[in-house]
């Protein structure tokens, strides 16, 4: 799901006074690599021997990892992706710092959002965004466009693409053994994949919430949300309303523990919602989100329906042996906001950079302990506080309609909006003011009292079996 919601939620971290650290190429060379069948590498002499890495998954985390590995000429790099045109159900919002940090071209950004309409359960609206500078914005992307750009960039760097579906991974039985990846090769638009194998020294699991790599290395299970999104084509006059604006709806009608959204894309809007605690009712919540948007999307044509599991917390084990998880496979999606794109790309890059450095020019293989001591330690130190704060805020402000009303009211504050956008755009809280934080604390108490007095009670639901499911 999208990163834009992050802009509203993170601001409230001031309550806890916590600083959140916070075109494809058509070269013949790529075409030849993508069509060639891949099997175990032929035996080479010790002087010719190169270590190899397979990145399973071609989204932001996998593509950014593969790009780093491919730049290291002492490593053979493969990137395996079944759906080269995959459209993940995701709001597609990315922070300004990601555009700069990952060198993303403006051509892949559909819209530059500078305003957001936040709507409470009772219909109270707050427009936020007035604190943004003229050159600041939240980028709105279509995942199939952005993911392909990042994947193609890794291939241009030297990664060998495999249009395949991984079916099984055999683990090494000793420190010198390789991982054996069994997959179905769909190169050439095959309807039925050809069974093939690939032997590699390191496996990067960037294959999403239902990660086969995670299952193979016994990384443990996690709770998950279901994200549901409809892409809706609306007429030009209605689309003009969403030129640089996105909407977020809160209330137990659209989600008992999340929110509904309307995000603008190139020529349509993405309308969606998500939930962890009542997944069987996701279509009811989606219908309510459409109804809340009302006349603004009335008469629109649904052109695509998407649904996907989203991790609710990190997996118990993110590194086992030389099997390493990144992105959704590792559980790097924030509570409250559901932001995952930036953290996916960042984790993929951080993991690959740590491993490349540990390999010392391709002269050795890293150990599990070494990878945990670099990649995992560095990632948790940088972003652990973010996950903790947003977890707390979700428990406070998404528990009932009274808290949701308070949440919307608090977002009228210019201070909240400034801290919000600064935190989201640059992944660090800027300009915190202790005096304003104290004022915000008292304002929060007052808003919670008023919200609970005025709000409609949440509807009760019960799904004891579904609520226990994990992936």
Protein backbone atom coordinates (compact mmCIF):
# COMPACT_ATOMS: atom_id res chain seq x y z
CA UNK A 1 0.00 0.00 0.00
CA UNK A 2 0.98 3.49 -0.35
CA UNK A 3 3.44 5.73 1.31
CA UNK A 4 1.31 8.87 1.18
CA UNK A 5 -0.65 8.01 4.31
CA UNK A 6 2.68 8.03 6.10
CA UNK A 7 2.68 11.81 5.77
CA UNK A 8 -0.38 12.13 8.02
CA UNK A 9 0.44 9.49 10.58
CA UNK A 10 4.10 10.20 11.32
CA UNK A 11 3.38 13.72 12.50
CA UNK A 12 1.63 12.38 15.54
CA UNK A 13 4.87 10.77 16.64
CA UNK A 14 5.49 14.09 18.33
CA UNK A 15 3.04 12.94 20.96
CA UNK A 16 5.60 10.43 22.08
CA UNK A 17 8.34 12.98 21.39
CA UNK A 18 10.15 10.31 19.41
CA UNK A 19 12.57 11.29 16.66
CA UNK A 20 11.86 9.01 13.74
CA UNK A 21 15.07 8.44 11.93
CA UNK A 22 12.95 8.26 10.26
CA UNK A 23 11.62 2.32 -20.64
CA UNK A 24 12.83 -0.71 -20.99
CA UNK A 25 16.08 -1.30 -22.88
CA UNK A 26 15.89 -3.15 -26.19
CA UNK A 27 19.50 -4.16 -26.44
CA UNK A 28 20.26 -7.45 -28.12
CA UNK A 29 22.37 -8.40 -25.16
CA UNK A 30 19.40 -8.22 -22.78
CA UNK A 31 17.15 -10.08 -25.17
CA UNK A 32 19.67 -12.87 -25.53
CA UNK A 33 20.04 -13.19 -21.77
CA UNK A 34 16.30 -13.23 -21.14
CA UNK A 35 15.64 -15.97 -23.69
CA UNK A 36 18.55 -18.25 -22.94
CA UNK A 37 17.72 -21.29 -20.78
CA UNK A 38 19.57 -21.27 -17.49
CA UNK A 39 20.93 -24.33 -15.79
CA UNK A 40 23.69 -25.02 -13.33
CA UNK A 41 26.85 -23.18 -14.27
CA UNK A 42 29.51 -25.36 -15.91
CA UNK A 43 32.48 -26.33 -13.82
CA UNK A 44 35.29 -23.77 -13.93
CA UNK A 45 38.87 -23.81 -12.85
CA UNK A 46 39.69 -22.26 -9.47
CA UNK A 47 41.08 -19.18 -11.21
CA UNK A 48 37.87 -18.71 -13.21
CA UNK A 49 35.46 -19.47 -10.36
CA UNK A 50 32.98 -16.70 -9.51
CA UNK A 51 30.42 -16.66 -6.77
CA UNK A 52 26.79 -16.30 -7.80
CA UNK A 53 23.67 -14.66 -6.38
CA UNK A 54 20.03 -15.28 -7.26
CA UNK A 55 17.58 -12.51 -6.44
CA UNK A 56 14.10 -14.04 -6.33
CA UNK A 57 11.56 -11.29 -7.07
CA UNK A 58 11.74 -8.32 -9.41
CA UNK A 59 9.98 -5.57 -7.44
CA UNK A 60 11.76 -2.57 -5.87
CA UNK A 61 13.61 -4.63 -3.24
CA UNK A 62 14.80 -7.28 -5.69
CA UNK A 63 15.68 -4.86 -8.47
CA UNK A 64 17.68 -2.58 -6.17
CA UNK A 65 19.54 -5.56 -4.70
CA UNK A 66 20.27 -7.02 -8.14
CA UNK A 67 21.61 -3.70 -9.39
CA UNK A 68 24.18 -3.57 -6.60
CA UNK A 69 25.29 -7.18 -7.10
CA UNK A 70 25.47 -6.79 -10.89
CA UNK A 71 27.82 -3.82 -10.54
CA UNK A 72 30.29 -6.16 -8.82
CA UNK A 73 31.90 -7.97 -11.75
CA UNK A 74 33.26 -10.71 -9.51
CA UNK A 75 29.69 -11.90 -8.89
CA UNK A 76 27.29 -13.57 -11.32
CA UNK A 77 23.85 -12.11 -10.65
CA UNK A 78 20.44 -13.52 -11.64
CA UNK A 79 17.06 -11.87 -11.08
CA UNK A 80 14.03 -14.17 -11.22
CA UNK A 81 10.53 -12.76 -11.76
CA UNK A 82 7.41 -14.55 -12.97
CA UNK A 83 5.25 -11.53 -13.85
CA UNK A 84 7.33 -8.99 -15.74
CA UNK A 85 4.25 -6.73 -16.00
CA UNK A 86 3.08 -7.28 -12.42
CA UNK A 87 0.64 -4.67 -11.08
CA UNK A 88 0.79 -4.88 -7.30
CA UNK A 89 -2.26 -3.42 -5.51
CA UNK A 90 -0.52 -0.44 -4.02
CA UNK A 91 -1.22 3.26 -3.69
CA UNK A 92 2.13 3.82 -5.36
CA UNK A 93 3.21 6.85 -3.34
CA UNK A 94 6.93 7.49 -2.98
CA UNK A 95 8.75 10.15 -0.92
CA UNK A 96 10.80 12.90 -2.49
CA UNK A 97 13.98 11.51 -0.94
CA UNK A 98 13.48 8.25 -2.86
CA UNK A 99 13.28 10.10 -6.17
CA UNK A 100 16.64 11.68 -5.45
CA UNK A 101 18.35 8.81 -3.64
CA UNK A 102 17.46 6.18 -6.24
CA UNK A 103 17.80 8.43 -9.26
CA UNK A 104 14.23 7.99 -10.45
CA UNK A 105 13.32 9.91 -13.62
CA UNK A 106 10.30 12.21 -13.57
CA UNK A 107 8.86 10.25 -16.50
CA UNK A 108 7.82 7.38 -14.22
CA UNK A 109 5.95 9.70 -11.83
CA UNK A 110 2.29 10.00 -12.84
CA UNK A 111 1.30 12.76 -10.44
CA UNK A 112 2.98 15.14 -8.01
CA UNK A 113 0.66 15.26 -5.02
CA UNK A 114 0.86 18.39 -2.88
CA UNK A 115 -2.47 18.23 -1.04
CA UNK A 116 -4.46 15.61 0.81
CA UNK A 117 -8.07 15.52 1.90
CA UNK A 118 -8.47 13.61 5.15
CA UNK A 119 -12.07 12.59 5.95
CA UNK A 120 -13.27 11.47 9.40
CA UNK A 121 -15.98 8.86 10.19
CA UNK A 122 -18.54 11.66 10.64
CA UNK A 123 -17.52 13.32 7.36
CA UNK A 124 -15.34 16.10 8.77
CA UNK A 125 -12.70 17.06 6.20
CA UNK A 126 -9.22 18.48 6.67
CA UNK A 127 -7.14 19.59 3.70
CA UNK A 128 -3.45 19.34 4.46
CA UNK A 129 -0.33 20.31 2.54
CA UNK A 130 -0.02 24.08 2.94
CA UNK A 131 3.39 23.71 4.60
CA UNK A 132 5.00 22.19 1.49
CA UNK A 133 7.56 24.25 -0.43
CA UNK A 134 6.89 24.79 -4.16
CA UNK A 135 9.44 22.14 -5.15
CA UNK A 136 8.19 19.51 -2.68
CA UNK A 137 5.73 16.76 -3.54
CA UNK A 138 4.81 13.13 -3.05
CA UNK A 139 5.30 11.10 -6.22
CA UNK A 140 2.45 8.89 -7.43
CA UNK A 141 3.54 5.95 -9.56
CA UNK A 142 2.04 2.90 -11.19
CA UNK A 143 3.91 -0.07 -9.81
CA UNK A 144 4.16 -1.83 -13.16
CA UNK A 145 5.97 1.23 -14.56
CA UNK A 146 8.29 1.90 -11.63
CA UNK A 147 9.11 -1.76 -10.98
CA UNK A 148 9.97 -2.34 -14.62
CA UNK A 149 12.24 0.70 -14.69
CA UNK A 150 14.18 -0.48 -11.63
CA UNK A 151 14.35 -4.07 -12.92
CA UNK A 152 15.57 -2.96 -16.35
CA UNK A 153 18.25 -0.84 -14.70
CA UNK A 154 19.57 -3.88 -12.84
CA UNK A 155 19.62 -5.85 -16.10
CA UNK A 156 21.51 -3.06 -17.83
CA UNK A 157 24.03 -3.26 -14.99
CA UNK A 158 24.62 -6.93 -15.81
CA UNK A 159 22.00 -8.97 -13.96
CA UNK A 160 20.70 -11.95 -15.95
CA UNK A 161 16.87 -11.92 -16.04
CA UNK A 162 14.87 -15.12 -15.73
CA UNK A 163 11.17 -15.02 -16.53
CA UNK A 164 10.40 -17.86 -14.18
CA UNK A 165 8.43 -19.14 -11.21
CA UNK A 166 10.45 -20.64 -8.37
CA UNK A 167 8.92 -23.92 -7.25
CA UNK A 168 11.49 -25.28 -4.80
CA UNK A 169 14.77 -24.35 -3.15
CA UNK A 170 17.17 -27.01 -1.89
CA UNK A 171 19.37 -25.74 0.92
CA UNK A 172 23.12 -26.39 1.08
CA UNK A 173 24.22 -29.11 3.48
CA UNK A 174 27.65 -27.59 4.13
CA UNK A 175 29.29 -24.18 4.09
CA UNK A 176 30.72 -24.83 0.61
CA UNK A 177 27.57 -26.24 -0.98
CA UNK A 178 25.25 -24.21 -3.19
CA UNK A 179 21.55 -23.48 -3.11
CA UNK A 180 19.67 -25.35 -5.84
CA UNK A 181 16.76 -23.33 -7.19
CA UNK A 182 14.15 -25.24 -9.16
CA UNK A 183 11.91 -23.10 -11.31
CA UNK A 184 9.61 -23.07 -14.33
CA UNK A 185 11.04 -20.99 -17.16
CA UNK A 186 8.38 -18.97 -19.01
CA UNK A 187 10.73 -17.15 -21.41
CA UNK A 188 9.16 -16.42 -24.75
CA UNK A 189 5.61 -16.10 -23.42
CA UNK A 190 5.26 -19.81 -22.75
CA UNK A 191 1.89 -20.92 -21.42
CA UNK A 192 3.55 -23.82 -19.62
CA UNK A 193 6.93 -23.30 -18.00
CA UNK A 194 9.95 -25.49 -18.70
CA UNK A 195 11.44 -27.07 -15.54
CA UNK A 196 15.01 -25.90 -14.97
CA UNK A 197 17.50 -25.51 -12.15
CA UNK A 198 20.04 -22.93 -11.08
CA UNK A 199 22.82 -23.36 -8.52
CA UNK A 200 23.95 -20.27 -6.62
CA UNK A 201 25.94 -19.36 -3.52
CA UNK A 202 23.58 -16.72 -2.11
CA UNK A 203 19.80 -16.33 -2.34
CA UNK A 204 18.01 -13.02 -1.82
CA UNK A 205 14.31 -13.41 -1.04
CA UNK A 206 12.56 -10.41 -2.56
CA UNK A 207 9.46 -12.38 -3.47
CA UNK A 208 6.80 -10.67 -1.39
CA UNK A 209 4.51 -11.71 1.43
CA UNK A 210 4.08 -15.27 0.14
CA UNK A 211 7.84 -15.68 -0.14
CA UNK A 212 9.05 -19.14 -1.22
CA UNK A 213 12.52 -18.18 -0.07
CA UNK A 214 11.18 -17.42 3.42
CA UNK A 215 9.48 -20.81 3.56
CA UNK A 216 12.58 -22.61 2.27
CA UNK A 217 14.88 -21.12 4.90
CA UNK A 218 12.24 -21.48 7.66
CA UNK A 219 12.12 -17.74 8.36
CA UNK A 220 8.91 -18.05 10.35
CA UNK A 221 5.42 -16.68 9.78
CA UNK A 222 3.81 -13.29 10.21
CA UNK A 223 0.37 -11.76 10.43
CA UNK A 224 -0.85 -9.97 7.34
CA UNK A 225 -3.33 -7.51 5.91
CA UNK A 226 -5.28 -7.86 2.70
CA UNK A 227 -4.97 -4.83 0.43
CA UNK A 228 -7.75 -4.43 -2.13
CA UNK A 229 -7.70 -1.81 -4.89
CA UNK A 230 -9.78 -0.96 -7.93
CA UNK A 231 -8.40 1.19 -10.71
CA UNK A 232 -11.24 3.41 -11.82
CA UNK A 233 -11.34 5.49 -14.99
CA UNK A 234 -13.26 8.73 -14.40
CA UNK A 235 -14.01 11.60 -16.78
CA UNK A 236 -11.63 14.50 -17.27
CA UNK A 237 -13.62 16.93 -15.16
CA UNK A 238 -13.58 14.59 -12.17
CA UNK A 239 -9.91 13.74 -12.79
CA UNK A 240 -9.09 17.45 -12.60
CA UNK A 241 -10.15 17.40 -8.94
CA UNK A 242 -7.37 14.88 -8.27
CA UNK A 243 -4.75 16.77 -10.30
CA UNK A 244 -2.42 17.14 -7.30
CA UNK A 245 -4.64 15.81 -4.51
CA UNK A 246 -5.17 12.45 -2.83
CA UNK A 247 -7.83 11.40 -0.33
CA UNK A 248 -7.80 9.27 2.79
CA UNK A 249 -10.94 8.04 4.57
CA UNK A 250 -10.99 6.69 8.12
CA UNK A 251 -13.86 4.94 9.88
CA UNK A 252 -14.93 1.41 10.73
CA UNK A 253 -17.11 1.41 7.59
CA UNK A 254 -14.02 1.50 5.33
CA UNK A 255 -11.72 -0.50 7.64
CA UNK A 256 -11.73 -1.46 11.33
CA UNK A 257 -7.97 -1.04 11.59
CA UNK A 258 -6.77 0.82 8.50
CA UNK A 259 -8.22 3.36 6.03
CA UNK A 260 -9.59 3.76 2.56
CA UNK A 261 -7.88 5.82 -0.12
CA UNK A 262 -8.30 7.51 -3.49
CA UNK A 263 -4.97 8.13 -5.18
CA UNK A 264 -4.54 9.76 -8.61
CA UNK A 265 -2.65 7.96 -11.37
CA UNK A 266 -1.80 8.89 -14.95
CA UNK A 267 -5.35 8.65 -16.37
CA UNK A 268 -7.34 7.05 -13.54
CA UNK A 269 -7.61 6.83 -9.77
CA UNK A 270 -6.71 3.95 -7.47
CA UNK A 271 -9.46 3.36 -4.90
CA UNK A 272 -8.71 0.88 -2.16
CA UNK A 273 -8.62 -0.22 1.44
CA UNK A 274 -7.07 -2.87 3.67
CA UNK A 275 -7.54 -4.75 6.90
CA UNK A 276 -5.79 -7.24 9.16
CA UNK A 277 -8.45 -8.02 11.73
CA UNK A 278 -11.42 -8.65 9.43
CA UNK A 279 -10.05 -9.87 6.11
CA UNK A 280 -13.24 -11.75 5.06
CA UNK A 281 -15.10 -8.41 4.87
CA UNK A 282 -12.60 -6.68 2.57
CA UNK A 283 -15.11 -6.30 -0.30
CA UNK A 284 -17.62 -4.69 2.03
CA UNK A 285 -14.99 -2.18 3.10
CA UNK A 286 -14.08 -1.52 -0.52
CA UNK A 287 -17.72 -0.82 -1.37
CA UNK A 288 -17.92 1.60 1.55
CA UNK A 289 -14.78 3.39 0.33
CA UNK A 290 -16.34 3.91 -3.08
CA UNK A 291 -19.50 5.22 -1.42
CA UNK A 292 -17.52 7.64 0.75
CA UNK A 293 -15.82 9.04 -2.37
CA UNK A 294 -19.33 9.40 -3.81
CA UNK A 295 -19.92 11.84 -6.67
CA UNK A 296 -16.20 12.46 -7.13
CA UNK A 297 -15.82 9.04 -8.80
CA UNK A 298 -19.45 8.47 -9.79
CA UNK A 299 -19.89 6.97 -13.27
CA UNK A 300 -16.32 5.73 -13.34
CA UNK A 301 -15.39 2.46 -15.01
CA UNK A 302 -13.46 -0.15 -13.08
CA UNK A 303 -10.57 -1.12 -15.36
CA UNK A 304 -8.62 -3.37 -13.00
CA UNK A 305 -9.16 -5.13 -9.66
CA UNK A 306 -6.17 -6.04 -7.49
CA UNK A 307 -5.70 -7.78 -4.15
CA UNK A 308 -2.57 -8.84 -2.30
CA UNK A 309 -1.36 -9.76 1.21
CA UNK A 310 0.72 -7.15 3.02
CA UNK A 311 2.95 -8.09 6.00
CA UNK A 312 1.97 -6.70 9.36
CA UNK A 313 5.36 -7.10 11.09
CA UNK A 314 8.89 -8.38 10.46
CA UNK A 315 9.54 -12.09 10.15
CA UNK A 316 11.15 -13.84 13.15
CA UNK A 317 14.24 -14.64 11.05
CA UNK A 318 15.38 -12.48 8.14
CA UNK A 319 18.76 -14.15 7.55
CA UNK A 320 19.32 -17.91 7.67
CA UNK A 321 22.64 -19.16 6.34
CA UNK A 322 23.21 -17.28 3.09
CA UNK A 323 19.47 -16.87 2.50
CA UNK A 324 18.53 -13.22 3.03
CA UNK A 325 15.08 -11.59 3.01
CA UNK A 326 14.31 -8.03 1.91
CA UNK A 327 11.19 -5.95 1.27
CA UNK A 328 7.78 -7.51 1.94
CA UNK A 329 9.38 -10.94 2.26
CA UNK A 330 11.20 -9.66 5.35
CA UNK A 331 8.12 -7.80 6.62
CA UNK A 332 9.29 -4.24 5.96
CA UNK A 333 5.90 -2.55 5.80
CA UNK A 334 5.04 0.04 8.42
CA UNK A 335 2.01 -0.20 10.67
CA UNK A 336 -0.61 2.53 10.46
CA UNK A 337 0.52 3.82 7.09
CA UNK A 338 1.21 0.63 5.16
CA UNK A 339 4.24 2.25 3.54
CA UNK A 340 6.54 -0.28 1.93
CA UNK A 341 8.01 0.94 -1.38
CA UNK A 342 10.84 3.05 0.01
CA UNK A 343 11.71 0.51 2.70
CA UNK A 344 11.68 -2.29 0.13
CA UNK A 345 14.10 -0.49 -2.17
CA UNK A 346 16.27 0.62 0.75
CA UNK A 347 16.45 -2.84 2.32
CA UNK A 348 17.37 -4.44 -1.01
CA UNK A 349 20.16 -1.97 -1.55
CA UNK A 350 21.42 -2.18 2.05
CA UNK A 351 21.46 -5.99 2.06
CA UNK A 352 23.33 -6.18 -1.25
CA UNK A 353 25.86 -3.51 -0.29
CA UNK A 354 26.60 -5.27 3.01
CA UNK A 355 27.06 -8.65 1.33
CA UNK A 356 29.25 -7.28 -1.46
CA UNK A 357 31.49 -5.61 1.09
CA UNK A 358 31.73 -8.81 3.12
CA UNK A 359 32.68 -10.78 -0.02
CA UNK A 360 35.80 -8.62 -0.47
CA UNK A 361 35.94 -8.51 -4.23
CA UNK A 362 34.41 -11.93 -4.65
CA UNK A 363 37.15 -13.69 -2.67
CA UNK A 364 34.94 -15.21 0.03
CA UNK A 365 31.37 -15.95 1.10
CA UNK A 366 29.81 -14.14 4.08
CA UNK A 367 28.49 -16.02 7.08
CA UNK A 368 25.03 -15.70 8.59
CA UNK A 369 26.50 -13.94 11.61
CA UNK A 370 28.32 -11.41 9.43
CA UNK A 371 25.20 -10.57 7.41
CA UNK A 372 23.15 -10.12 10.56
CA UNK A 373 25.89 -7.94 12.05
CA UNK A 374 25.84 -5.59 9.07
CA UNK A 375 22.64 -5.55 7.03
CA UNK A 376 20.18 -6.43 9.81
CA UNK A 377 21.91 -4.36 12.47
CA UNK A 378 22.18 -1.29 10.23
CA UNK A 379 18.61 -1.52 8.97
CA UNK A 380 17.10 -1.95 12.43
CA UNK A 381 19.17 0.89 13.83
CA UNK A 382 18.05 3.23 11.04
CA UNK A 383 14.37 2.33 10.84
CA UNK A 384 13.45 0.36 13.95
CA UNK A 385 12.12 3.47 15.76
CA UNK A 386 9.84 4.20 12.80
CA UNK A 387 8.17 0.80 13.01
CA UNK A 388 7.81 1.06 16.78
CA UNK A 389 6.23 4.52 16.76
CA UNK A 390 3.77 3.68 13.98
CA UNK A 391 2.78 0.48 15.75
CA UNK A 392 1.93 2.52 18.85
CA UNK A 393 0.02 5.12 16.86
CA UNK A 394 -2.05 2.48 15.11
CA UNK A 395 -3.07 1.07 18.48
CA UNK A 396 -4.05 4.56 19.69
CA UNK A 397 -5.79 6.11 16.68
CA UNK A 398 -7.21 3.14 14.75
CA UNK A 399 -8.97 1.42 17.62
CA UNK A 400 -12.39 3.11 17.33
CA UNK A 401 -14.26 5.89 15.57
CA UNK A 402 -13.76 8.28 18.48
CA UNK A 403 -9.99 8.00 18.13
CA UNK A 404 -10.28 8.40 14.36
CA UNK A 405 -12.26 11.62 14.79
CA UNK A 406 -9.53 12.89 17.10
CA UNK A 407 -6.88 11.93 14.58
CA UNK A 408 -8.51 13.99 11.82
CA UNK A 409 -9.04 16.97 14.12
CA UNK A 410 -5.38 16.98 15.17
CA UNK A 411 -4.30 17.13 11.54
CA UNK A 412 -5.73 20.65 11.29
CA UNK A 413 -2.61 21.81 13.17
CA UNK A 414 -0.02 23.45 10.93
CA UNK A 415 2.70 22.11 13.23
CA UNK A 416 1.41 18.56 12.79
CA UNK A 417 1.31 19.02 9.02
CA UNK A 418 4.84 20.38 8.84
CA UNK A 419 6.36 17.60 10.93
CA UNK A 420 4.29 15.11 8.95
CA UNK A 421 5.52 16.14 5.53
CA UNK A 422 9.11 16.67 6.63
CA UNK A 423 9.12 13.20 8.20
CA UNK A 424 7.64 11.53 5.14
CA UNK A 425 9.52 13.37 2.41
CA UNK A 426 12.98 13.05 3.95
CA UNK A 427 12.59 10.08 6.34
CA UNK A 428 13.63 12.16 9.32
CA UNK A 429 11.67 14.36 11.72
CA UNK A 430 12.74 17.96 11.23
CA UNK A 431 11.95 21.08 13.22
CA UNK A 432 10.55 19.40 16.34
CA UNK A 433 9.65 21.99 18.94
CA UNK A 434 9.34 20.88 22.60
CA UNK A 435 6.83 23.63 23.36
CA UNK A 436 4.67 22.67 20.38
CA UNK A 437 4.97 19.02 21.40
CA UNK A 438 3.52 19.79 24.82
CA UNK A 439 0.69 21.78 23.21
CA UNK A 440 0.04 18.86 20.90
CA UNK A 441 -0.13 16.45 23.82
CA UNK A 442 -2.87 18.46 25.50
CA UNK A 443 -4.65 18.98 22.18
CA UNK A 444 -4.61 15.22 21.66
CA UNK A 445 -6.26 14.59 25.02
CA UNK A 446 -8.96 17.12 24.21
CA UNK A 447 -9.52 15.70 20.74
CA UNK A 448 -9.84 12.16 22.09
CA UNK A 449 -12.46 13.28 24.62
CA UNK A 450 -14.47 15.14 21.98
CA UNK A 451 -14.11 12.38 19.42
CA UNK A 452 -15.35 9.65 21.73
CA UNK A 453 -18.30 11.81 22.76
CA UNK A 454 -19.44 12.47 19.18
CA UNK A 455 -18.46 9.37 17.22
CA UNK A 456 -20.74 6.51 16.21
CA UNK A 457 -19.78 3.26 17.98
CA UNK A 458 -17.90 0.72 15.87
CA UNK A 459 -19.81 -2.27 14.54
CA UNK A 460 -18.85 -5.57 16.12
CA UNK A 461 -17.51 -8.48 14.07
CA UNK A 462 -16.18 -11.95 14.81
CA UNK A 463 -13.90 -14.20 12.75
CA UNK A 464 -11.88 -16.34 15.18
CA UNK A 465 -10.63 -18.81 12.55
CA UNK A 466 -9.50 -16.31 9.90
CA UNK A 467 -7.84 -14.07 12.48
CA UNK A 468 -5.42 -16.85 13.39
CA UNK A 469 -4.12 -17.38 9.84
CA UNK A 470 -0.48 -16.56 9.18
CA UNK A 471 1.77 -16.71 6.11
